[in-house]
Amino acid sequence: MSRAATIVGPQDHGRRMTLGEFDTAEVREGYLYELGRGVIIVSDVPGKKHLAQVNALRRLLTAYDLANPGRIHTIAGGAECKILVPPLDSERHPDVAVYCTEPPEGPDLWKSWIPYVVIEVVSPGSEKRDYEEKPPEYLDFGVQEYWIFDAEKFQVLVKRRSGARWADRVLVPADTIKTHLLPGFELIIGAVFDAARKA
């Protein structure tokens, strides 16, 4: 006799759950769900300013991908990928994840396919998660760079792996993000914040 799937909804915000239980749970539509350190986090779908920034980032990355075939394998959004960190009972869904390798074979895809770059766009209520909780998890998972776009502060915090820690650099709208992970890629930060302003 098969066991009924666990259903998670907005009423479960703050409920404790293991990563194994959360990974197989079904969720009620209309909300975003993550598991952070064994606690269910339920949030509203972000608004149009957040969407405009994510859309601008994806367009810029796609333009680079089209001009440089073979450098990027996949550009994924929050509903298209997940990062599983079993030691911390965390399941994260970054706004944008850039994978430069092919996905591994086998059933444990999301435990072993590591994005080179992960990008989060800060929205109201996500500050603690984006700035405090996710950096050590992404570092532990093997991510090489983590970019935090914050339209309220008009800055981007770029975290680059340096051994077993992050090396941080704060950039402003006039600055350009370049990375050795994507040779020739240049992202003018102001273009992303302009998208939010016009939304």
N, C-alpha and C. Protein backbone atom coordinates (compact mmCIF):
# COMPACT_ATOMS: atom_id res chain seq x y z
N MET A 1 0.84 -1.19 0.00
CA MET A 1 0.00 0.00 0.00
C MET A 1 0.88 1.24 0.00
N SER A 2 0.68 2.13 -0.96
CA SER A 2 1.53 3.31 -1.06
C SER A 2 1.10 4.36 -0.03
N ARG A 3 2.11 5.09 0.43
CA ARG A 3 1.86 6.12 1.42
C ARG A 3 1.44 7.41 0.73
N ALA A 4 0.46 8.11 1.31
CA ALA A 4 0.01 9.38 0.73
C ALA A 4 1.12 10.41 0.85
N ALA A 5 1.27 11.22 -0.20
CA ALA A 5 2.31 12.26 -0.20
C ALA A 5 1.97 13.33 0.82
N THR A 6 2.99 13.87 1.46
CA THR A 6 2.81 14.99 2.37
C THR A 6 2.51 16.23 1.55
N ILE A 7 1.49 16.97 1.95
CA ILE A 7 1.13 18.20 1.26
C ILE A 7 1.53 19.39 2.13
N VAL A 8 2.29 20.30 1.53
CA VAL A 8 2.77 21.49 2.23
C VAL A 8 2.05 22.70 1.67
N GLY A 9 1.58 23.56 2.55
CA GLY A 9 0.89 24.77 2.14
C GLY A 9 1.37 25.96 2.94
N PRO A 10 0.78 27.14 2.72
CA PRO A 10 1.23 28.35 3.41
C PRO A 10 1.13 28.25 4.92
N GLN A 11 0.21 27.43 5.42
CA GLN A 11 0.06 27.27 6.86
C GLN A 11 1.25 26.56 7.50
N ASP A 12 2.12 25.98 6.67
CA ASP A 12 3.27 25.23 7.18
C ASP A 12 4.52 26.10 7.35
N HIS A 13 4.42 27.39 7.07
CA HIS A 13 5.58 28.29 7.26
C HIS A 13 6.08 28.15 8.70
N GLY A 14 7.37 27.88 8.85
CA GLY A 14 7.97 27.74 10.17
C GLY A 14 7.95 26.32 10.71
N ARG A 15 7.28 25.41 10.02
CA ARG A 15 7.22 24.00 10.46
C ARG A 15 8.55 23.32 10.21
N ARG A 16 8.96 22.48 11.13
CA ARG A 16 10.20 21.73 10.95
C ARG A 16 9.94 20.50 10.09
N MET A 17 10.92 20.18 9.25
CA MET A 17 10.79 19.02 8.36
C MET A 17 12.18 18.61 7.92
N THR A 18 12.37 17.33 7.67
CA THR A 18 13.66 16.88 7.17
C THR A 18 13.74 17.14 5.68
N LEU A 19 14.95 17.17 5.15
CA LEU A 19 15.14 17.38 3.72
C LEU A 19 14.50 16.25 2.92
N GLY A 20 14.60 15.03 3.41
CA GLY A 20 13.99 13.89 2.72
C GLY A 20 12.48 14.02 2.61
N GLU A 21 11.83 14.47 3.69
CA GLU A 21 10.38 14.66 3.67
C GLU A 21 9.99 15.80 2.73
N PHE A 22 10.74 16.90 2.81
CA PHE A 22 10.42 18.08 2.00
C PHE A 22 10.63 17.81 0.52
N ASP A 23 11.67 17.06 0.21
CA ASP A 23 12.02 16.80 -1.19
C ASP A 23 10.94 16.00 -1.92
N THR A 24 10.17 15.21 -1.18
CA THR A 24 9.13 14.39 -1.80
C THR A 24 7.73 14.95 -1.56
N ALA A 25 7.62 16.06 -0.86
CA ALA A 25 6.30 16.63 -0.54
C ALA A 25 5.69 17.30 -1.77
N GLU A 26 4.38 17.37 -1.80
CA GLU A 26 3.65 18.13 -2.79
C GLU A 26 3.29 19.48 -2.17
N VAL A 27 3.30 20.54 -2.99
CA VAL A 27 3.04 21.87 -2.44
C VAL A 27 1.78 22.47 -3.05
N ARG A 28 1.11 23.28 -2.27
CA ARG A 28 -0.06 24.01 -2.78
C ARG A 28 0.44 25.15 -3.64
N GLU A 29 -0.15 25.30 -4.82
CA GLU A 29 0.31 26.31 -5.77
C GLU A 29 0.00 27.73 -5.29
N GLY A 30 0.73 28.68 -5.86
CA GLY A 30 0.50 30.09 -5.55
C GLY A 30 1.50 30.69 -4.59
N TYR A 31 2.44 29.88 -4.11
CA TYR A 31 3.46 30.34 -3.18
C TYR A 31 4.81 29.73 -3.56
N LEU A 32 5.87 30.27 -2.97
CA LEU A 32 7.21 29.71 -3.15
C LEU A 32 7.61 29.01 -1.85
N TYR A 33 8.29 27.88 -2.00
CA TYR A 33 8.66 27.08 -0.84
C TYR A 33 10.15 26.76 -0.89
N GLU A 34 10.80 26.90 0.25
CA GLU A 34 12.18 26.44 0.43
C GLU A 34 12.26 25.78 1.79
N LEU A 35 13.30 25.01 1.98
CA LEU A 35 13.60 24.45 3.29
C LEU A 35 14.93 25.03 3.72
N GLY A 36 14.94 25.77 4.80
CA GLY A 36 16.16 26.38 5.30
C GLY A 36 16.50 25.87 6.68
N ARG A 37 17.58 25.12 6.77
CA ARG A 37 18.03 24.57 8.05
C ARG A 37 16.93 23.78 8.76
N GLY A 38 16.18 23.01 7.96
CA GLY A 38 15.15 22.15 8.52
C GLY A 38 13.83 22.84 8.81
N VAL A 39 13.67 24.08 8.35
CA VAL A 39 12.43 24.83 8.61
C VAL A 39 11.82 25.24 7.26
N ILE A 40 10.51 25.01 7.10
CA ILE A 40 9.82 25.37 5.86
C ILE A 40 9.66 26.89 5.79
N ILE A 41 10.04 27.45 4.64
CA ILE A 41 9.90 28.89 4.40
C ILE A 41 8.90 29.06 3.25
N VAL A 42 7.81 29.73 3.54
CA VAL A 42 6.78 29.98 2.53
C VAL A 42 6.76 31.48 2.25
N SER A 43 6.84 31.86 0.99
CA SER A 43 6.80 33.28 0.65
C SER A 43 5.90 33.49 -0.56
N ASP A 44 5.40 34.71 -0.67
CA ASP A 44 4.58 35.06 -1.83
C ASP A 44 5.45 35.10 -3.08
N VAL A 45 4.83 34.89 -4.22
CA VAL A 45 5.54 35.05 -5.48
C VAL A 45 5.95 36.52 -5.57
N PRO A 46 7.24 36.82 -5.83
CA PRO A 46 7.69 38.21 -5.86
C PRO A 46 6.97 39.05 -6.90
N GLY A 47 7.02 40.36 -6.71
CA GLY A 47 6.32 41.29 -7.58
C GLY A 47 7.06 41.58 -8.88
N LYS A 48 6.53 42.57 -9.61
CA LYS A 48 7.03 42.83 -10.95
C LYS A 48 8.44 43.41 -10.98
N LYS A 49 8.87 44.14 -9.95
CA LYS A 49 10.24 44.67 -9.92
C LYS A 49 11.25 43.52 -9.83
N HIS A 50 10.93 42.55 -9.01
CA HIS A 50 11.78 41.36 -8.87
C HIS A 50 11.82 40.61 -10.21
N LEU A 51 10.65 40.40 -10.79
CA LEU A 51 10.57 39.70 -12.08
C LEU A 51 11.36 40.44 -13.16
N ALA A 52 11.26 41.76 -13.18
CA ALA A 52 11.97 42.55 -14.21
C ALA A 52 13.48 42.35 -14.09
N GLN A 53 13.99 42.30 -12.87
CA GLN A 53 15.43 42.10 -12.67
C GLN A 53 15.86 40.69 -13.09
N VAL A 54 15.10 39.70 -12.69
CA VAL A 54 15.42 38.32 -13.06
C VAL A 54 15.36 38.17 -14.58
N ASN A 55 14.36 38.77 -15.20
CA ASN A 55 14.22 38.70 -16.64
C ASN A 55 15.41 39.37 -17.34
N ALA A 56 15.84 40.54 -16.82
CA ALA A 56 17.00 41.23 -17.40
C ALA A 56 18.25 40.37 -17.28
N LEU A 57 18.44 39.74 -16.14
CA LEU A 57 19.61 38.88 -15.93
C LEU A 57 19.60 37.70 -16.90
N ARG A 58 18.45 37.08 -17.05
CA ARG A 58 18.36 35.93 -17.95
C ARG A 58 18.62 36.34 -19.40
N ARG A 59 18.12 37.51 -19.79
CA ARG A 59 18.36 37.98 -21.16
C ARG A 59 19.85 38.23 -21.41
N LEU A 60 20.51 38.85 -20.44
CA LEU A 60 21.94 39.13 -20.60
C LEU A 60 22.75 37.84 -20.66
N LEU A 61 22.40 36.89 -19.82
CA LEU A 61 23.11 35.60 -19.84
C LEU A 61 22.81 34.82 -21.12
N THR A 62 21.57 34.89 -21.58
CA THR A 62 21.21 34.19 -22.82
C THR A 62 21.93 34.80 -24.02
N ALA A 63 22.05 36.14 -24.04
CA ALA A 63 22.78 36.80 -25.13
C ALA A 63 24.23 36.33 -25.15
N TYR A 64 24.84 36.22 -23.97
CA TYR A 64 26.22 35.72 -23.89
C TYR A 64 26.28 34.27 -24.38
N ASP A 65 25.32 33.46 -23.95
CA ASP A 65 25.28 32.05 -24.32
C ASP A 65 25.18 31.90 -25.85
N LEU A 66 24.33 32.69 -26.46
CA LEU A 66 24.16 32.61 -27.92
C LEU A 66 25.43 33.04 -28.66
N ALA A 67 26.13 34.02 -28.10
CA ALA A 67 27.35 34.52 -28.75
C ALA A 67 28.57 33.66 -28.45
N ASN A 68 28.47 32.80 -27.43
CA ASN A 68 29.60 31.97 -26.99
C ASN A 68 29.14 30.53 -26.77
N PRO A 69 28.76 29.84 -27.84
CA PRO A 69 28.24 28.49 -27.68
C PRO A 69 29.24 27.57 -26.97
N GLY A 70 28.69 26.76 -26.07
CA GLY A 70 29.52 25.78 -25.37
C GLY A 70 30.03 26.25 -24.02
N ARG A 71 29.93 27.53 -23.73
CA ARG A 71 30.41 28.02 -22.42
C ARG A 71 29.40 27.73 -21.31
N ILE A 72 28.11 27.91 -21.62
CA ILE A 72 27.04 27.68 -20.64
C ILE A 72 26.24 26.47 -21.11
N HIS A 73 25.93 25.58 -20.19
CA HIS A 73 25.07 24.45 -20.53
C HIS A 73 23.61 24.81 -20.28
N THR A 74 23.30 25.39 -19.11
CA THR A 74 21.91 25.68 -18.73
C THR A 74 21.83 26.94 -17.90
N ILE A 75 20.82 27.76 -18.19
CA ILE A 75 20.47 28.90 -17.35
C ILE A 75 19.11 28.55 -16.75
N ALA A 76 19.07 28.32 -15.44
CA ALA A 76 17.84 27.83 -14.80
C ALA A 76 17.30 28.86 -13.82
N GLY A 77 15.97 28.84 -13.66
CA GLY A 77 15.31 29.69 -12.68
C GLY A 77 14.88 28.88 -11.47
N GLY A 78 14.26 29.57 -10.52
CA GLY A 78 13.90 28.94 -9.25
C GLY A 78 12.99 27.74 -9.35
N ALA A 79 12.11 27.73 -10.35
CA ALA A 79 11.21 26.59 -10.51
C ALA A 79 11.83 25.48 -11.35
N GLU A 80 13.03 25.72 -11.86
CA GLU A 80 13.66 24.77 -12.78
C GLU A 80 14.86 24.04 -12.19
N CYS A 81 15.24 24.42 -10.99
CA CYS A 81 16.40 23.77 -10.36
C CYS A 81 16.28 23.87 -8.85
N LYS A 82 17.12 23.11 -8.18
CA LYS A 82 17.20 23.24 -6.73
C LYS A 82 18.58 22.84 -6.27
N ILE A 83 18.96 23.40 -5.14
CA ILE A 83 20.24 23.06 -4.52
C ILE A 83 19.94 22.38 -3.20
N LEU A 84 20.39 21.14 -3.09
CA LEU A 84 20.14 20.34 -1.89
C LEU A 84 21.41 20.30 -1.05
N VAL A 85 21.26 20.67 0.21
CA VAL A 85 22.40 20.65 1.14
C VAL A 85 22.01 19.76 2.32
N PRO A 86 22.16 18.43 2.16
CA PRO A 86 21.71 17.49 3.20
C PRO A 86 22.26 17.75 4.60
N PRO A 87 23.56 18.11 4.76
CA PRO A 87 24.05 18.31 6.12
C PRO A 87 23.30 19.40 6.89
N LEU A 88 22.71 20.35 6.16
CA LEU A 88 22.00 21.46 6.80
C LEU A 88 20.49 21.35 6.64
N ASP A 89 20.01 20.24 6.05
CA ASP A 89 18.57 20.08 5.80
C ASP A 89 18.01 21.29 5.07
N SER A 90 18.68 21.69 3.98
CA SER A 90 18.24 22.85 3.21
C SER A 90 18.00 22.47 1.75
N GLU A 91 16.93 23.05 1.19
CA GLU A 91 16.64 22.96 -0.23
C GLU A 91 16.38 24.38 -0.72
N ARG A 92 17.26 24.88 -1.59
CA ARG A 92 17.15 26.25 -2.07
C ARG A 92 16.81 26.27 -3.56
N HIS A 93 16.10 27.33 -3.95
CA HIS A 93 15.71 27.53 -5.34
C HIS A 93 16.17 28.93 -5.75
N PRO A 94 17.42 29.04 -6.23
CA PRO A 94 17.93 30.38 -6.58
C PRO A 94 17.16 31.01 -7.73
N ASP A 95 17.16 32.34 -7.75
CA ASP A 95 16.47 33.06 -8.83
C ASP A 95 17.07 32.71 -10.19
N VAL A 96 18.39 32.62 -10.25
CA VAL A 96 19.08 32.23 -11.49
C VAL A 96 20.27 31.35 -11.11
N ALA A 97 20.43 30.26 -11.82
CA ALA A 97 21.59 29.39 -11.63
C ALA A 97 22.21 29.12 -13.00
N VAL A 98 23.52 29.30 -13.09
CA VAL A 98 24.23 29.12 -14.35
C VAL A 98 25.09 27.85 -14.25
N TYR A 99 24.71 26.86 -15.05
CA TYR A 99 25.43 25.58 -15.07
C TYR A 99 26.31 25.54 -16.31
N CYS A 100 27.58 25.23 -16.10
CA CYS A 100 28.52 25.18 -17.23
C CYS A 100 28.93 23.75 -17.58
N THR A 101 28.39 22.79 -16.87
CA THR A 101 28.68 21.38 -17.15
C THR A 101 27.38 20.65 -17.44
N GLU A 102 27.49 19.49 -18.04
CA GLU A 102 26.30 18.68 -18.30
C GLU A 102 25.80 18.09 -16.99
N PRO A 103 24.50 17.85 -16.90
CA PRO A 103 23.97 17.23 -15.67
C PRO A 103 24.50 15.82 -15.52
N PRO A 104 24.80 15.41 -14.31
CA PRO A 104 25.30 14.05 -14.09
C PRO A 104 24.20 13.01 -14.29
N GLU A 105 24.60 11.81 -14.57
CA GLU A 105 23.65 10.70 -14.70
C GLU A 105 23.23 10.26 -13.29
N GLY A 106 22.08 9.61 -13.23
CA GLY A 106 21.64 9.06 -11.95
C GLY A 106 20.51 9.85 -11.33
N PRO A 107 19.95 9.30 -10.24
CA PRO A 107 18.76 9.89 -9.63
C PRO A 107 19.03 11.11 -8.73
N ASP A 108 20.27 11.30 -8.33
CA ASP A 108 20.58 12.37 -7.39
C ASP A 108 21.08 13.63 -8.07
N LEU A 109 20.43 14.01 -9.16
CA LEU A 109 20.85 15.16 -9.97
C LEU A 109 21.07 16.40 -9.12
N TRP A 110 20.10 16.77 -8.29
CA TRP A 110 20.17 18.05 -7.57
C TRP A 110 21.09 18.02 -6.37
N LYS A 111 21.58 16.85 -6.01
CA LYS A 111 22.58 16.77 -4.94
C LYS A 111 23.99 16.89 -5.49
N SER A 112 24.13 16.76 -6.83
CA SER A 112 25.49 16.70 -7.37
C SER A 112 25.76 17.64 -8.55
N TRP A 113 24.72 18.22 -9.15
CA TRP A 113 24.94 19.14 -10.27
C TRP A 113 25.13 20.53 -9.71
N ILE A 114 26.33 21.05 -9.83
CA ILE A 114 26.71 22.29 -9.17
C ILE A 114 26.74 23.45 -10.16
N PRO A 115 25.94 24.49 -9.93
CA PRO A 115 26.03 25.66 -10.80
C PRO A 115 27.32 26.43 -10.53
N TYR A 116 27.89 27.00 -11.58
CA TYR A 116 29.09 27.82 -11.39
C TYR A 116 28.73 29.14 -10.71
N VAL A 117 27.61 29.73 -11.15
CA VAL A 117 27.17 31.03 -10.61
C VAL A 117 25.73 30.90 -10.15
N VAL A 118 25.45 31.45 -8.97
CA VAL A 118 24.08 31.52 -8.46
C VAL A 118 23.78 32.99 -8.22
N ILE A 119 22.56 33.42 -8.61
CA ILE A 119 22.16 34.81 -8.46
C ILE A 119 20.85 34.87 -7.68
N GLU A 120 20.81 35.73 -6.68
CA GLU A 120 19.57 36.01 -5.95
C GLU A 120 19.25 37.49 -6.11
N VAL A 121 17.98 37.79 -6.32
CA VAL A 121 17.48 39.16 -6.34
C VAL A 121 16.72 39.36 -5.04
N VAL A 122 17.18 40.29 -4.24
CA VAL A 122 16.59 40.52 -2.92
C VAL A 122 15.19 41.09 -3.08
N SER A 123 14.24 40.51 -2.36
CA SER A 123 12.88 41.05 -2.31
C SER A 123 12.52 41.25 -0.84
N PRO A 124 11.49 42.05 -0.56
CA PRO A 124 11.13 42.29 0.84
C PRO A 124 10.89 40.99 1.59
N GLY A 125 11.60 40.81 2.69
CA GLY A 125 11.47 39.61 3.50
C GLY A 125 12.52 38.56 3.22
N SER A 126 13.28 38.71 2.12
CA SER A 126 14.28 37.68 1.79
C SER A 126 15.70 38.07 2.21
N GLU A 127 15.86 39.24 2.81
CA GLU A 127 17.20 39.76 3.11
C GLU A 127 18.03 38.81 3.97
N LYS A 128 17.46 38.32 5.05
CA LYS A 128 18.21 37.43 5.96
C LYS A 128 18.62 36.15 5.25
N ARG A 129 17.70 35.59 4.48
CA ARG A 129 18.02 34.36 3.75
C ARG A 129 19.12 34.61 2.73
N ASP A 130 18.97 35.69 1.93
CA ASP A 130 19.91 35.93 0.84
C ASP A 130 21.31 36.31 1.33
N TYR A 131 21.37 37.13 2.38
CA TYR A 131 22.65 37.64 2.86
C TYR A 131 23.31 36.77 3.93
N GLU A 132 22.52 36.06 4.72
CA GLU A 132 23.09 35.34 5.86
C GLU A 132 23.01 33.82 5.75
N GLU A 133 21.84 33.30 5.36
CA GLU A 133 21.67 31.85 5.38
C GLU A 133 22.24 31.17 4.14
N LYS A 134 21.99 31.74 2.97
CA LYS A 134 22.38 31.06 1.74
C LYS A 134 23.88 31.06 1.45
N PRO A 135 24.63 32.13 1.78
CA PRO A 135 26.07 32.10 1.43
C PRO A 135 26.82 30.87 1.93
N PRO A 136 26.70 30.47 3.21
CA PRO A 136 27.45 29.27 3.62
C PRO A 136 26.94 28.00 2.97
N GLU A 137 25.63 27.97 2.65
CA GLU A 137 25.09 26.78 1.99
C GLU A 137 25.60 26.66 0.56
N TYR A 138 25.60 27.76 -0.18
CA TYR A 138 26.09 27.73 -1.55
C TYR A 138 27.59 27.43 -1.58
N LEU A 139 28.33 27.96 -0.61
CA LEU A 139 29.76 27.67 -0.52
C LEU A 139 29.97 26.18 -0.26
N ASP A 140 29.22 25.64 0.69
CA ASP A 140 29.33 24.22 1.04
C ASP A 140 28.98 23.33 -0.16
N PHE A 141 28.03 23.78 -0.98
CA PHE A 141 27.59 22.98 -2.13
C PHE A 141 28.62 22.97 -3.25
N GLY A 142 29.48 24.00 -3.30
CA GLY A 142 30.51 24.04 -4.33
C GLY A 142 30.35 25.14 -5.36
N VAL A 143 29.38 26.03 -5.15
CA VAL A 143 29.17 27.16 -6.07
C VAL A 143 30.42 28.03 -6.10
N GLN A 144 30.80 28.51 -7.29
CA GLN A 144 32.02 29.31 -7.43
C GLN A 144 31.78 30.80 -7.17
N GLU A 145 30.61 31.31 -7.61
CA GLU A 145 30.30 32.72 -7.40
C GLU A 145 28.82 32.87 -7.05
N TYR A 146 28.55 33.81 -6.15
CA TYR A 146 27.20 34.10 -5.70
C TYR A 146 27.00 35.61 -5.78
N TRP A 147 26.05 36.05 -6.63
CA TRP A 147 25.79 37.47 -6.82
C TRP A 147 24.44 37.82 -6.19
N ILE A 148 24.43 38.84 -5.33
CA ILE A 148 23.20 39.27 -4.66
C ILE A 148 22.84 40.66 -5.17
N PHE A 149 21.77 40.75 -5.97
CA PHE A 149 21.30 42.02 -6.50
C PHE A 149 20.29 42.63 -5.53
N ASP A 150 20.56 43.85 -5.08
CA ASP A 150 19.71 44.52 -4.09
C ASP A 150 19.33 45.90 -4.61
N ALA A 151 18.14 46.01 -5.20
CA ALA A 151 17.69 47.28 -5.79
C ALA A 151 17.43 48.34 -4.74
N GLU A 152 17.08 47.92 -3.51
CA GLU A 152 16.85 48.90 -2.44
C GLU A 152 18.15 49.59 -2.05
N LYS A 153 19.24 48.84 -2.02
CA LYS A 153 20.55 49.40 -1.67
C LYS A 153 21.29 49.91 -2.90
N PHE A 154 20.76 49.64 -4.10
CA PHE A 154 21.43 49.98 -5.36
C PHE A 154 22.86 49.42 -5.38
N GLN A 155 22.97 48.16 -5.05
CA GLN A 155 24.29 47.53 -5.06
C GLN A 155 24.16 46.03 -5.35
N VAL A 156 25.28 45.46 -5.75
CA VAL A 156 25.39 44.02 -5.92
C VAL A 156 26.55 43.55 -5.06
N LEU A 157 26.29 42.55 -4.24
CA LEU A 157 27.36 41.92 -3.47
C LEU A 157 27.80 40.69 -4.26
N VAL A 158 29.04 40.74 -4.75
CA VAL A 158 29.60 39.62 -5.50
C VAL A 158 30.49 38.82 -4.56
N LYS A 159 30.14 37.55 -4.41
CA LYS A 159 30.92 36.64 -3.56
C LYS A 159 31.64 35.66 -4.47
N ARG A 160 32.96 35.62 -4.35
CA ARG A 160 33.76 34.70 -5.15
C ARG A 160 34.48 33.73 -4.23
N ARG A 161 34.45 32.47 -4.62
CA ARG A 161 35.12 31.45 -3.80
C ARG A 161 36.61 31.73 -3.74
N SER A 162 37.14 31.71 -2.53
CA SER A 162 38.57 31.85 -2.30
C SER A 162 38.96 30.78 -1.30
N GLY A 163 39.31 29.61 -1.82
CA GLY A 163 39.58 28.47 -0.94
C GLY A 163 38.29 28.01 -0.29
N ALA A 164 38.25 28.02 1.04
CA ALA A 164 37.08 27.55 1.78
C ALA A 164 36.22 28.70 2.29
N ARG A 165 36.36 29.87 1.67
CA ARG A 165 35.55 31.01 2.13
C ARG A 165 35.16 31.86 0.93
N TRP A 166 34.30 32.85 1.17
CA TRP A 166 33.93 33.81 0.15
C TRP A 166 34.80 35.04 0.26
N ALA A 167 35.20 35.59 -0.86
CA ALA A 167 35.81 36.91 -0.92
C ALA A 167 34.74 37.84 -1.48
N ASP A 168 34.42 38.90 -0.74
CA ASP A 168 33.31 39.78 -1.10
C ASP A 168 33.77 41.06 -1.79
N ARG A 169 32.92 41.51 -2.72
CA ARG A 169 33.14 42.81 -3.37
C ARG A 169 31.79 43.45 -3.61
N VAL A 170 31.63 44.69 -3.19
CA VAL A 170 30.38 45.42 -3.39
C VAL A 170 30.51 46.27 -4.65
N LEU A 171 29.54 46.14 -5.56
CA LEU A 171 29.53 46.90 -6.80
C LEU A 171 28.29 47.79 -6.86
N VAL A 172 28.40 48.90 -7.57
CA VAL A 172 27.31 49.86 -7.70
C VAL A 172 26.82 49.87 -9.15
N PRO A 173 25.69 50.57 -9.43
CA PRO A 173 25.11 50.50 -10.78
C PRO A 173 26.05 50.85 -11.92
N ALA A 174 27.02 51.72 -11.71
CA ALA A 174 27.94 52.08 -12.80
C ALA A 174 28.99 51.00 -13.05
N ASP A 175 29.11 50.04 -12.15
CA ASP A 175 30.12 48.99 -12.28
C ASP A 175 29.66 47.89 -13.24
N THR A 176 30.62 47.07 -13.64
CA THR A 176 30.37 45.94 -14.53
C THR A 176 30.84 44.66 -13.86
N ILE A 177 30.02 43.63 -13.92
CA ILE A 177 30.44 42.32 -13.41
C ILE A 177 31.14 41.57 -14.53
N LYS A 178 32.35 41.14 -14.23
CA LYS A 178 33.10 40.26 -15.13
C LYS A 178 33.52 39.05 -14.31
N THR A 179 33.61 37.90 -14.95
CA THR A 179 34.02 36.70 -14.24
C THR A 179 34.85 35.80 -15.16
N HIS A 180 35.90 35.22 -14.61
CA HIS A 180 36.72 34.30 -15.40
C HIS A 180 35.96 33.03 -15.74
N LEU A 181 34.84 32.78 -15.03
CA LEU A 181 34.04 31.60 -15.30
C LEU A 181 33.33 31.69 -16.65
N LEU A 182 33.07 32.93 -17.10
CA LEU A 182 32.42 33.17 -18.39
C LEU A 182 33.27 34.18 -19.16
N PRO A 183 34.32 33.73 -19.81
CA PRO A 183 35.25 34.65 -20.48
C PRO A 183 34.54 35.58 -21.46
N GLY A 184 34.82 36.87 -21.32
CA GLY A 184 34.22 37.86 -22.20
C GLY A 184 32.86 38.37 -21.74
N PHE A 185 32.30 37.78 -20.70
CA PHE A 185 31.00 38.23 -20.20
C PHE A 185 31.15 39.54 -19.45
N GLU A 186 30.27 40.49 -19.75
CA GLU A 186 30.25 41.77 -19.04
C GLU A 186 28.81 42.14 -18.76
N LEU A 187 28.50 42.38 -17.50
CA LEU A 187 27.14 42.72 -17.12
C LEU A 187 27.15 44.11 -16.46
N ILE A 188 26.54 45.08 -17.13
CA ILE A 188 26.44 46.42 -16.56
C ILE A 188 25.30 46.41 -15.55
N ILE A 189 25.64 46.59 -14.29
CA ILE A 189 24.67 46.43 -13.20
C ILE A 189 23.50 47.39 -13.35
N GLY A 190 23.77 48.61 -13.80
CA GLY A 190 22.71 49.59 -13.94
C GLY A 190 21.58 49.12 -14.83
N ALA A 191 21.87 48.29 -15.83
CA ALA A 191 20.83 47.81 -16.74
C ALA A 191 19.80 46.95 -16.00
N VAL A 192 20.26 46.21 -15.02
CA VAL A 192 19.34 45.36 -14.23
C VAL A 192 18.48 46.23 -13.32
N PHE A 193 19.09 47.20 -12.67
CA PHE A 193 18.32 48.08 -11.78
C PHE A 193 17.38 48.99 -12.58
N ASP A 194 17.77 49.36 -13.80
CA ASP A 194 16.88 50.15 -14.66
C ASP A 194 15.61 49.35 -14.98
N ALA A 195 15.77 48.05 -15.18
CA ALA A 195 14.62 47.21 -15.47
C ALA A 195 13.62 47.24 -14.30
N ALA A 196 14.14 47.23 -13.07
CA ALA A 196 13.28 47.30 -11.90
C ALA A 196 12.59 48.66 -11.81
N ARG A 197 13.32 49.70 -12.12
CA ARG A 197 12.77 51.07 -12.04
C ARG A 197 11.65 51.29 -13.04
N LYS A 198 11.77 50.65 -14.20
CA LYS A 198 10.77 50.83 -15.26
C LYS A 198 9.57 49.89 -15.10
N ALA A 199 9.70 48.91 -14.22
CA ALA A 199 8.62 47.91 -14.08
C ALA A 199 7.36 48.52 -13.47
